[in-house]
Amino acid sequence: MKPIQEIAKIAHKLPIEAIQDINQRIKDWTMSEGKEDDPYVWQQLRYAERFVKEGRG
């Protein structure tokens, strides 16, 4: 599964500010010709997962 799909699955556990931040980062990345499954996007998924795991969501 692509990292964006994985982020969508846990988005309900994230505060809106985190979702907006991740969304903007991925949008900027893809607008600069980055791909949706590049390591940078996987890094955003790991950030979201860590956010949830630490109970900040």
PDB file of N, CA and C in Angstrom:
ATOM      1  N   MET A   1       0.842  -1.179   0.000  1.00  0.00           N
ATOM      2  CA  MET A   1       0.000   0.000   0.000  1.00  0.00           C
ATOM      3  C   MET A   1       0.891   1.248   0.000  1.00  0.00           C
ATOM      4  N   LYS A   2       0.423   2.291  -0.611  1.00  0.00           N
ATOM      5  CA  LYS A   2       1.187   3.543  -0.671  1.00  0.00           C
ATOM      6  C   LYS A   2       1.102   4.278   0.655  1.00  0.00           C
ATOM      7  N   PRO A   3       2.142   5.059   0.974  1.00  0.00           N
ATOM      8  CA  PRO A   3       2.158   5.755   2.265  1.00  0.00           C
ATOM      9  C   PRO A   3       0.994   6.726   2.445  1.00  0.00           C
ATOM     10  N   ILE A   4       0.535   7.345   1.375  1.00  0.00           N
ATOM     11  CA  ILE A   4      -0.584   8.280   1.501  1.00  0.00           C
ATOM     12  C   ILE A   4      -1.839   7.541   1.947  1.00  0.00           C
ATOM     13  N   GLN A   5      -2.036   6.348   1.442  1.00  0.00           N
ATOM     14  CA  GLN A   5      -3.189   5.544   1.857  1.00  0.00           C
ATOM     15  C   GLN A   5      -3.070   5.150   3.330  1.00  0.00           C
ATOM     16  N   GLU A   6      -1.867   4.843   3.753  1.00  0.00           N
ATOM     17  CA  GLU A   6      -1.643   4.490   5.159  1.00  0.00           C
ATOM     18  C   GLU A   6      -1.896   5.697   6.067  1.00  0.00           C
ATOM     19  N   ILE A   7      -1.478   6.872   5.633  1.00  0.00           N
ATOM     20  CA  ILE A   7      -1.728   8.086   6.414  1.00  0.00           C
ATOM     21  C   ILE A   7      -3.230   8.313   6.528  1.00  0.00           C
ATOM     22  N   ALA A   8      -3.948   8.111   5.434  1.00  0.00           N
ATOM     23  CA  ALA A   8      -5.404   8.302   5.445  1.00  0.00           C
ATOM     24  C   ALA A   8      -6.079   7.376   6.453  1.00  0.00           C
ATOM     25  N   LYS A   9      -5.529   6.174   6.623  1.00  0.00           N
ATOM     26  CA  LYS A   9      -6.120   5.214   7.557  1.00  0.00           C
ATOM     27  C   LYS A   9      -5.991   5.644   9.017  1.00  0.00           C
ATOM     28  N   ILE A  10      -4.981   6.442   9.346  1.00  0.00           N
ATOM     29  CA  ILE A  10      -4.797   6.864  10.734  1.00  0.00           C
ATOM     30  C   ILE A  10      -5.111   8.341  10.956  1.00  0.00           C
ATOM     31  N   ALA A  11      -5.534   9.015   9.895  1.00  0.00           N
ATOM     32  CA  ALA A  11      -5.777  10.462   9.981  1.00  0.00           C
ATOM     33  C   ALA A  11      -6.781  10.818  11.072  1.00  0.00           C
ATOM     34  N   HIS A  12      -7.764   9.956  11.316  1.00  0.00           N
ATOM     35  CA  HIS A  12      -8.770  10.259  12.340  1.00  0.00           C
ATOM     36  C   HIS A  12      -8.178  10.306  13.753  1.00  0.00           C
ATOM     37  N   LYS A  13      -6.974   9.799  13.910  1.00  0.00           N
ATOM     38  CA  LYS A  13      -6.302   9.803  15.212  1.00  0.00           C
ATOM     39  C   LYS A  13      -5.377  11.000  15.384  1.00  0.00           C
ATOM     40  N   LEU A  14      -5.261  11.826  14.355  1.00  0.00           N
ATOM     41  CA  LEU A  14      -4.341  12.961  14.371  1.00  0.00           C
ATOM     42  C   LEU A  14      -5.096  14.266  14.571  1.00  0.00           C
ATOM     43  N   PRO A  15      -4.483  15.224  15.269  1.00  0.00           N
ATOM     44  CA  PRO A  15      -5.104  16.543  15.352  1.00  0.00           C
ATOM     45  C   PRO A  15      -5.075  17.213  13.973  1.00  0.00           C
ATOM     46  N   ILE A  16      -6.012  18.093  13.745  1.00  0.00           N
ATOM     47  CA  ILE A  16      -6.132  18.749  12.446  1.00  0.00           C
ATOM     48  C   ILE A  16      -4.842  19.461  12.047  1.00  0.00           C
ATOM     49  N   GLU A  17      -4.136  20.022  13.020  1.00  0.00           N
ATOM     50  CA  GLU A  17      -2.894  20.721  12.704  1.00  0.00           C
ATOM     51  C   GLU A  17      -1.858  19.778  12.113  1.00  0.00           C
ATOM     52  N   ALA A  18      -1.782  18.570  12.654  1.00  0.00           N
ATOM     53  CA  ALA A  18      -0.830  17.577  12.136  1.00  0.00           C
ATOM     54  C   ALA A  18      -1.230  17.131  10.738  1.00  0.00           C
ATOM     55  N   ILE A  19      -2.506  16.928  10.531  1.00  0.00           N
ATOM     56  CA  ILE A  19      -2.986  16.526   9.209  1.00  0.00           C
ATOM     57  C   ILE A  19      -2.668  17.618   8.187  1.00  0.00           C
ATOM     58  N   GLN A  20      -2.930  18.861   8.547  1.00  0.00           N
ATOM     59  CA  GLN A  20      -2.655  19.969   7.639  1.00  0.00           C
ATOM     60  C   GLN A  20      -1.164  20.068   7.329  1.00  0.00           C
ATOM     61  N   ASP A  21      -0.327  19.879   8.347  1.00  0.00           N
ATOM     62  CA  ASP A  21       1.121  19.947   8.155  1.00  0.00           C
ATOM     63  C   ASP A  21       1.591  18.849   7.209  1.00  0.00           C
ATOM     64  N   ILE A  22       1.172  17.630   7.462  1.00  0.00           N
ATOM     65  CA  ILE A  22       1.567  16.500   6.619  1.00  0.00           C
ATOM     66  C   ILE A  22       1.051  16.698   5.201  1.00  0.00           C
ATOM     67  N   ASN A  23      -0.189  17.121   5.079  1.00  0.00           N
ATOM     68  CA  ASN A  23      -0.783  17.354   3.764  1.00  0.00           C
ATOM     69  C   ASN A  23       0.013  18.393   2.984  1.00  0.00           C
ATOM     70  N   GLN A  24       0.369  19.486   3.633  1.00  0.00           N
ATOM     71  CA  GLN A  24       1.118  20.543   2.945  1.00  0.00           C
ATOM     72  C   GLN A  24       2.501  20.057   2.517  1.00  0.00           C
ATOM     73  N   ARG A  25       3.150  19.291   3.392  1.00  0.00           N
ATOM     74  CA  ARG A  25       4.471  18.765   3.048  1.00  0.00           C
ATOM     75  C   ARG A  25       4.403  17.851   1.823  1.00  0.00           C
ATOM     76  N   ILE A  26       3.410  16.959   1.806  1.00  0.00           N
ATOM     77  CA  ILE A  26       3.266  16.028   0.676  1.00  0.00           C
ATOM     78  C   ILE A  26       2.870  16.792  -0.586  1.00  0.00           C
ATOM     79  N   LYS A  27       1.987  17.762  -0.442  1.00  0.00           N
ATOM     80  CA  LYS A  27       1.583  18.572  -1.594  1.00  0.00           C
ATOM     81  C   LYS A  27       2.783  19.301  -2.182  1.00  0.00           C
ATOM     82  N   ASP A  28       3.582  19.946  -1.327  1.00  0.00           N
ATOM     83  CA  ASP A  28       4.781  20.636  -1.803  1.00  0.00           C
ATOM     84  C   ASP A  28       5.730  19.666  -2.503  1.00  0.00           C
ATOM     85  N   TRP A  29       5.866  18.488  -1.930  1.00  0.00           N
ATOM     86  CA  TRP A  29       6.759  17.467  -2.480  1.00  0.00           C
ATOM     87  C   TRP A  29       6.312  17.055  -3.884  1.00  0.00           C
ATOM     88  N   THR A  30       5.026  16.752  -4.019  1.00  0.00           N
ATOM     89  CA  THR A  30       4.543  16.299  -5.323  1.00  0.00           C
ATOM     90  C   THR A  30       4.526  17.433  -6.345  1.00  0.00           C
ATOM     91  N   MET A  31       4.321  18.661  -5.890  1.00  0.00           N
ATOM     92  CA  MET A  31       4.343  19.802  -6.806  1.00  0.00           C
ATOM     93  C   MET A  31       5.764  20.057  -7.339  1.00  0.00           C
ATOM     94  N   SER A  32       6.769  19.620  -6.585  1.00  0.00           N
ATOM     95  CA  SER A  32       8.149  19.784  -7.037  1.00  0.00           C
ATOM     96  C   SER A  32       8.638  18.515  -7.741  1.00  0.00           C
ATOM     97  N   GLU A  33       7.683  17.769  -8.274  1.00  0.00           N
ATOM     98  CA  GLU A  33       7.923  16.567  -9.069  1.00  0.00           C
ATOM     99  C   GLU A  33       8.355  15.350  -8.257  1.00  0.00           C
ATOM    100  N   GLY A  34       8.169  15.403  -6.941  1.00  0.00           N
ATOM    101  CA  GLY A  34       8.399  14.219  -6.125  1.00  0.00           C
ATOM    102  C   GLY A  34       7.262  13.231  -6.339  1.00  0.00           C
ATOM    103  N   LYS A  35       7.531  11.985  -6.123  1.00  0.00           N
ATOM    104  CA  LYS A  35       6.534  10.931  -6.312  1.00  0.00           C
ATOM    105  C   LYS A  35       5.850  10.602  -4.986  1.00  0.00           C
ATOM    106  N   GLU A  36       4.620  10.113  -5.079  1.00  0.00           N
ATOM    107  CA  GLU A  36       3.828   9.808  -3.889  1.00  0.00           C
ATOM    108  C   GLU A  36       4.374   8.645  -3.068  1.00  0.00           C
ATOM    109  N   ASP A  37       5.275   7.868  -3.625  1.00  0.00           N
ATOM    110  CA  ASP A  37       5.832   6.751  -2.862  1.00  0.00           C
ATOM    111  C   ASP A  37       7.344   6.899  -2.640  1.00  0.00           C
ATOM    112  N   ASP A  38       7.853   8.112  -2.782  1.00  0.00           N
ATOM    113  CA  ASP A  38       9.262   8.388  -2.505  1.00  0.00           C
ATOM    114  C   ASP A  38       9.540   8.264  -1.004  1.00  0.00           C
ATOM    115  N   PRO A  39      10.782   8.067  -0.619  1.00  0.00           N
ATOM    116  CA  PRO A  39      11.133   7.963   0.799  1.00  0.00           C
ATOM    117  C   PRO A  39      10.659   9.148   1.632  1.00  0.00           C
ATOM    118  N   TYR A  40      10.615  10.330   1.057  1.00  0.00           N
ATOM    119  CA  TYR A  40      10.157  11.494   1.810  1.00  0.00           C
ATOM    120  C   TYR A  40       8.717  11.323   2.281  1.00  0.00           C
ATOM    121  N   VAL A  41       7.870  10.754   1.457  1.00  0.00           N
ATOM    122  CA  VAL A  41       6.464  10.553   1.828  1.00  0.00           C
ATOM    123  C   VAL A  41       6.362   9.439   2.876  1.00  0.00           C
ATOM    124  N   TRP A  42       7.191   8.421   2.740  1.00  0.00           N
ATOM    125  CA  TRP A  42       7.233   7.377   3.774  1.00  0.00           C
ATOM    126  C   TRP A  42       7.656   7.984   5.114  1.00  0.00           C
ATOM    127  N   GLN A  43       8.564   8.957   5.067  1.00  0.00           N
ATOM    128  CA  GLN A  43       8.993   9.646   6.282  1.00  0.00           C
ATOM    129  C   GLN A  43       7.807  10.372   6.923  1.00  0.00           C
ATOM    130  N   GLN A  44       6.932  10.939   6.127  1.00  0.00           N
ATOM    131  CA  GLN A  44       5.751  11.611   6.661  1.00  0.00           C
ATOM    132  C   GLN A  44       4.812  10.601   7.330  1.00  0.00           C
ATOM    133  N   LEU A  45       4.720   9.416   6.759  1.00  0.00           N
ATOM    134  CA  LEU A  45       3.917   8.355   7.377  1.00  0.00           C
ATOM    135  C   LEU A  45       4.504   7.975   8.730  1.00  0.00           C
ATOM    136  N   ARG A  46       5.804   7.801   8.793  1.00  0.00           N
ATOM    137  CA  ARG A  46       6.440   7.444  10.071  1.00  0.00           C
ATOM    138  C   ARG A  46       6.219   8.543  11.113  1.00  0.00           C
ATOM    139  N   TYR A  47       6.249   9.804  10.682  1.00  0.00           N
ATOM    140  CA  TYR A  47       5.961  10.928  11.576  1.00  0.00           C
ATOM    141  C   TYR A  47       4.533  10.810  12.117  1.00  0.00           C
ATOM    142  N   ALA A  48       3.581  10.539  11.247  1.00  0.00           N
ATOM    143  CA  ALA A  48       2.181  10.405  11.669  1.00  0.00           C
ATOM    144  C   ALA A  48       2.022   9.230  12.629  1.00  0.00           C
ATOM    145  N   GLU A  49       2.649   8.105  12.322  1.00  0.00           N
ATOM    146  CA  GLU A  49       2.556   6.928  13.191  1.00  0.00           C
ATOM    147  C   GLU A  49       3.167   7.216  14.561  1.00  0.00           C
ATOM    148  N   ARG A  50       4.287   7.887  14.584  1.00  0.00           N
ATOM    149  CA  ARG A  50       4.942   8.234  15.847  1.00  0.00           C
ATOM    150  C   ARG A  50       4.057   9.184  16.660  1.00  0.00           C
ATOM    151  N   PHE A  51       3.436  10.113  15.979  1.00  0.00           N
ATOM    152  CA  PHE A  51       2.534  11.072  16.617  1.00  0.00           C
ATOM    153  C   PHE A  51       1.413  10.322  17.337  1.00  0.00           C
ATOM    154  N   VAL A  52       0.829   9.349  16.647  1.00  0.00           N
ATOM    155  CA  VAL A  52      -0.269   8.559  17.206  1.00  0.00           C
ATOM    156  C   VAL A  52       0.250   7.686  18.357  1.00  0.00           C
ATOM    157  N   LYS A  53       1.384   7.034  18.146  1.00  0.00           N
ATOM    158  CA  LYS A  53       1.943   6.135  19.160  1.00  0.00           C
ATOM    159  C   LYS A  53       2.259   6.863  20.454  1.00  0.00           C
ATOM    160  N   GLU A  54       2.729   8.094  20.348  1.00  0.00           N
ATOM    161  CA  GLU A  54       3.079   8.874  21.527  1.00  0.00           C
ATOM    162  C   GLU A  54       1.854   9.477  22.205  1.00  0.00           C
ATOM    163  N   GLY A  55       0.687   9.244  21.601  1.00  0.00           N
ATOM    164  CA  GLY A  55      -0.546   9.717  22.193  1.00  0.00           C
ATOM    165  C   GLY A  55      -0.784  11.208  22.065  1.00  0.00           C
ATOM    166  N   ARG A  56      -0.159  11.790  21.061  1.00  0.00           N
ATOM    167  CA  ARG A  56      -0.335  13.239  20.865  1.00  0.00           C
ATOM    168  C   ARG A  56      -1.555  13.528  20.013  1.00  0.00           C
ATOM    169  N   GLY A  57      -2.201  12.496  19.515  1.00  0.00           N
ATOM    170  CA  GLY A  57      -3.368  12.691  18.656  1.00  0.00           C
ATOM    171  C   GLY A  57      -4.668  12.617  19.414  1.00  0.00           C
TER     172      GLY A  57
END
